[in-house]
């Protein structure tokens, strides 16, 4: 994977929401921000640093990007282009595989928490509308 390296300067978009591109990235140096929303309604939902990864959803699901990822300062990334490459990488790097499972579980738990909160919010709105 040593040839699968990319460099970005400060404030460059690495991924743009809506793009149909399937790479997964691993941060080798630097920091990125994960941004949701569009136009003036953007919010930074996470900052990732060395050893973190992003872009795995599109790699697995073949769907457009759900977030924009922007470099903070100079960033060096390794990239994986398909699931076959990912499997080979994970077999050679079992510690990263364990870290990836842990992080994906954390992300799923956070998504569940947000979804449960939104469902509760909708139920409260429905209750106040029934008179």
C-alpha atoms as a PDB file:
ATOM      1  CA  UNK A   1       0.000   0.000   0.000  1.00  0.00           C
ATOM      2  CA  UNK A   2       3.025   2.287   0.113  1.00  0.00           C
ATOM      3  CA  UNK A   3       2.209   3.615  -3.360  1.00  0.00           C
ATOM      4  CA  UNK A   4      -1.376   4.475  -2.327  1.00  0.00           C
ATOM      5  CA  UNK A   5      -0.440   7.761  -0.654  1.00  0.00           C
ATOM      6  CA  UNK A   6      -2.000  11.205  -1.123  1.00  0.00           C
ATOM      7  CA  UNK A   7      -1.078  14.626   0.256  1.00  0.00           C
ATOM      8  CA  UNK A   8      -3.374  17.564   0.969  1.00  0.00           C
ATOM      9  CA  UNK A   9      -2.686  21.119   2.080  1.00  0.00           C
ATOM     10  CA  UNK A  10      -4.701  23.132   4.580  1.00  0.00           C
ATOM     11  CA  UNK A  11      -8.432  23.505   3.879  1.00  0.00           C
ATOM     12  CA  UNK A  12      -8.508  21.189   0.855  1.00  0.00           C
ATOM     13  CA  UNK A  13     -11.568  19.000   0.364  1.00  0.00           C
ATOM     14  CA  UNK A  14     -10.517  15.362   0.402  1.00  0.00           C
ATOM     15  CA  UNK A  15     -14.092  14.145  -0.025  1.00  0.00           C
ATOM     16  CA  UNK A  16     -17.110  16.208  -0.992  1.00  0.00           C
ATOM     17  CA  UNK A  17     -20.608  15.170   0.095  1.00  0.00           C
ATOM     18  CA  UNK A  18     -22.588  13.738  -2.790  1.00  0.00           C
ATOM     19  CA  UNK A  19     -19.564  12.473  -4.747  1.00  0.00           C
ATOM     20  CA  UNK A  20     -19.728   8.935  -6.043  1.00  0.00           C
ATOM     21  CA  UNK A  21     -16.226   7.809  -5.139  1.00  0.00           C
ATOM     22  CA  UNK A  22     -15.366   4.735  -3.096  1.00  0.00           C
ATOM     23  CA  UNK A  23     -11.987   5.136  -1.446  1.00  0.00           C
ATOM     24  CA  UNK A  24     -11.396   4.614   2.226  1.00  0.00           C
ATOM     25  CA  UNK A  25      -8.626   6.719   3.758  1.00  0.00           C
ATOM     26  CA  UNK A  26      -6.289   6.217   6.712  1.00  0.00           C
ATOM     27  CA  UNK A  27      -4.621   9.290   8.196  1.00  0.00           C
ATOM     28  CA  UNK A  28      -0.849   8.864   8.309  1.00  0.00           C
ATOM     29  CA  UNK A  29      -0.098  12.464   9.363  1.00  0.00           C
ATOM     30  CA  UNK A  30      -2.227  15.495  10.104  1.00  0.00           C
ATOM     31  CA  UNK A  31      -5.857  16.117  10.929  1.00  0.00           C
ATOM     32  CA  UNK A  32      -9.163  16.338   9.056  1.00  0.00           C
ATOM     33  CA  UNK A  33     -12.637  17.616   9.832  1.00  0.00           C
ATOM     34  CA  UNK A  34     -15.804  15.704   8.979  1.00  0.00           C
ATOM     35  CA  UNK A  35     -18.521  18.116   7.882  1.00  0.00           C
ATOM     36  CA  UNK A  36     -22.245  17.466   7.426  1.00  0.00           C
ATOM     37  CA  UNK A  37     -24.724  19.755   5.713  1.00  0.00           C
ATOM     38  CA  UNK A  38     -24.599  21.982   2.674  1.00  0.00           C
ATOM     39  CA  UNK A  39     -24.082  25.639   1.830  1.00  0.00           C
ATOM     40  CA  UNK A  40     -24.411  27.813   4.921  1.00  0.00           C
ATOM     41  CA  UNK A  41     -25.795  24.949   7.013  1.00  0.00           C
ATOM     42  CA  UNK A  42     -22.580  23.045   7.665  1.00  0.00           C
ATOM     43  CA  UNK A  43     -21.434  21.615  10.960  1.00  0.00           C
ATOM     44  CA  UNK A  44     -18.180  19.893  11.912  1.00  0.00           C
ATOM     45  CA  UNK A  45     -19.230  16.617  13.496  1.00  0.00           C
ATOM     46  CA  UNK A  46     -15.770  15.147  14.082  1.00  0.00           C
ATOM     47  CA  UNK A  47     -12.047  15.797  13.878  1.00  0.00           C
ATOM     48  CA  UNK A  48      -9.851  12.834  13.059  1.00  0.00           C
ATOM     49  CA  UNK A  49      -6.092  12.486  13.496  1.00  0.00           C
ATOM     50  CA  UNK A  50      -3.210  10.111  12.776  1.00  0.00           C
ATOM     51  CA  UNK A  51      -4.327   6.481  12.761  1.00  0.00           C
ATOM     52  CA  UNK A  52      -7.998   7.289  12.213  1.00  0.00           C
ATOM     53  CA  UNK A  53      -9.890   6.345   9.067  1.00  0.00           C
ATOM     54  CA  UNK A  54     -12.830   7.636   7.033  1.00  0.00           C
ATOM     55  CA  UNK A  55     -14.693   6.875   3.823  1.00  0.00           C
ATOM     56  CA  UNK A  56     -15.514   3.279   4.738  1.00  0.00           C
ATOM     57  CA  UNK A  57     -19.273   3.645   4.176  1.00  0.00           C
ATOM     58  CA  UNK A  58     -18.961   4.340   0.449  1.00  0.00           C
ATOM     59  CA  UNK A  59     -16.351   1.611   0.127  1.00  0.00           C
ATOM     60  CA  UNK A  60     -18.815  -0.973   1.463  1.00  0.00           C
ATOM     61  CA  UNK A  61     -22.119   0.364   0.140  1.00  0.00           C
ATOM     62  CA  UNK A  62     -21.302   1.882  -3.253  1.00  0.00           C
ATOM     63  CA  UNK A  63     -23.316   4.996  -2.315  1.00  0.00           C
ATOM     64  CA  UNK A  64     -22.503   8.707  -2.679  1.00  0.00           C
ATOM     65  CA  UNK A  65     -20.490  10.372   0.064  1.00  0.00           C
ATOM     66  CA  UNK A  66     -22.580  11.497   3.030  1.00  0.00           C
ATOM     67  CA  UNK A  67     -20.078  14.029   4.377  1.00  0.00           C
ATOM     68  CA  UNK A  68     -17.381  16.429   3.279  1.00  0.00           C
ATOM     69  CA  UNK A  69     -13.894  15.784   4.666  1.00  0.00           C
ATOM     70  CA  UNK A  70     -11.488  18.726   4.746  1.00  0.00           C
ATOM     71  CA  UNK A  71      -7.819  18.866   5.691  1.00  0.00           C
ATOM     72  CA  UNK A  72      -6.683  20.866   8.716  1.00  0.00           C
ATOM     73  CA  UNK A  73      -3.096  21.787   7.948  1.00  0.00           C
ATOM     74  CA  UNK A  74      -0.967  19.445   5.854  1.00  0.00           C
ATOM     75  CA  UNK A  75      -2.319  15.890   5.678  1.00  0.00           C
ATOM     76  CA  UNK A  76      -0.820  12.622   4.455  1.00  0.00           C
ATOM     77  CA  UNK A  77      -3.252   9.789   3.709  1.00  0.00           C
ATOM     78  CA  UNK A  78      -3.094   6.180   2.638  1.00  0.00           C
ATOM     79  CA  UNK A  79      -6.052   5.006   0.607  1.00  0.00           C
ATOM     80  CA  UNK A  80      -7.788   1.733  -0.135  1.00  0.00           C
ATOM     81  CA  UNK A  81      -9.766   1.450  -3.373  1.00  0.00           C
ATOM     82  CA  UNK A  82     -11.904  -1.646  -2.838  1.00  0.00           C
ATOM     83  CA  UNK A  83     -13.039  -4.275  -0.365  1.00  0.00           C
ATOM     84  CA  UNK A  84     -10.475  -6.799  -1.624  1.00  0.00           C
ATOM     85  CA  UNK A  85      -7.636  -4.373  -0.832  1.00  0.00           C
ATOM     86  CA  UNK A  86      -9.215  -3.669   2.570  1.00  0.00           C
ATOM     87  CA  UNK A  87      -9.398  -7.381   3.428  1.00  0.00           C
ATOM     88  CA  UNK A  88      -5.742  -7.859   2.469  1.00  0.00           C
ATOM     89  CA  UNK A  89      -4.727  -4.811   4.527  1.00  0.00           C
ATOM     90  CA  UNK A  90      -6.692  -5.988   7.581  1.00  0.00           C
ATOM     91  CA  UNK A  91      -5.157  -9.478   7.403  1.00  0.00           C
ATOM     92  CA  UNK A  92      -1.669  -7.919   7.407  1.00  0.00           C
ATOM     93  CA  UNK A  93      -2.594  -5.435  10.162  1.00  0.00           C
ATOM     94  CA  UNK A  94      -4.735  -7.221  12.781  1.00  0.00           C
ATOM     95  CA  UNK A  95      -4.275  -4.440  15.344  1.00  0.00           C
ATOM     96  CA  UNK A  96      -5.783  -1.963  12.887  1.00  0.00           C
ATOM     97  CA  UNK A  97      -8.603  -4.449  12.196  1.00  0.00           C
ATOM     98  CA  UNK A  98      -9.423  -4.574  15.922  1.00  0.00           C
ATOM     99  CA  UNK A  99      -9.277  -0.777  16.139  1.00  0.00           C
ATOM    100  CA  UNK A 100     -11.560  -0.464  13.116  1.00  0.00           C
ATOM    101  CA  UNK A 101     -14.191  -2.781  14.627  1.00  0.00           C
ATOM    102  CA  UNK A 102     -14.079  -0.815  17.886  1.00  0.00           C
ATOM    103  CA  UNK A 103     -14.447   2.561  16.144  1.00  0.00           C
ATOM    104  CA  UNK A 104     -17.248   1.343  13.884  1.00  0.00           C
ATOM    105  CA  UNK A 105     -19.108   0.049  16.951  1.00  0.00           C
ATOM    106  CA  UNK A 106     -18.692   3.449  18.639  1.00  0.00           C
ATOM    107  CA  UNK A 107     -19.971   5.255  15.534  1.00  0.00           C
ATOM    108  CA  UNK A 108     -22.993   2.935  15.340  1.00  0.00           C
ATOM    109  CA  UNK A 109     -23.777   3.473  19.029  1.00  0.00           C
ATOM    110  CA  UNK A 110     -23.612   7.257  18.524  1.00  0.00           C
ATOM    111  CA  UNK A 111     -25.920   7.013  15.509  1.00  0.00           C
ATOM    112  CA  UNK A 112     -28.371   4.920  17.541  1.00  0.00           C
ATOM    113  CA  UNK A 113     -28.289   7.528  20.312  1.00  0.00           C
ATOM    114  CA  UNK A 114     -29.077  10.332  17.860  1.00  0.00           C
ATOM    115  CA  UNK A 115     -31.855   8.320  16.212  1.00  0.00           C
ATOM    116  CA  UNK A 116     -33.477   7.445  19.537  1.00  0.00           C
ATOM    117  CA  UNK A 117     -33.344  11.125  20.526  1.00  0.00           C
ATOM    118  CA  UNK A 118     -35.032  12.155  17.263  1.00  0.00           C
ATOM    119  CA  UNK A 119     -37.761   9.522  17.694  1.00  0.00           C
ATOM    120  CA  UNK A 120     -38.415  10.774  21.239  1.00  0.00           C
ATOM    121  CA  UNK A 121     -38.531  14.347  19.952  1.00  0.00           C
ATOM    122  CA  UNK A 122     -41.083  13.385  17.263  1.00  0.00           C
ATOM    123  CA  UNK A 123     -43.212  11.562  19.830  1.00  0.00           C
ATOM    124  CA  UNK A 124     -43.234  14.653  22.090  1.00  0.00           C
ATOM    125  CA  UNK A 125     -44.321  16.822  19.160  1.00  0.00           C
ATOM    126  CA  UNK A 126     -47.127  14.368  18.301  1.00  0.00           C
ATOM    127  CA  UNK A 127     -48.318  14.335  21.925  1.00  0.00           C
ATOM    128  CA  UNK A 128     -48.528  18.134  22.050  1.00  0.00           C
ATOM    129  CA  UNK A 129     -50.489  18.243  18.770  1.00  0.00           C
ATOM    130  CA  UNK A 130     -53.167  15.842  20.033  1.00  0.00           C
ATOM    131  CA  UNK A 131     -55.626  17.930  21.952  1.00  0.00           C
END
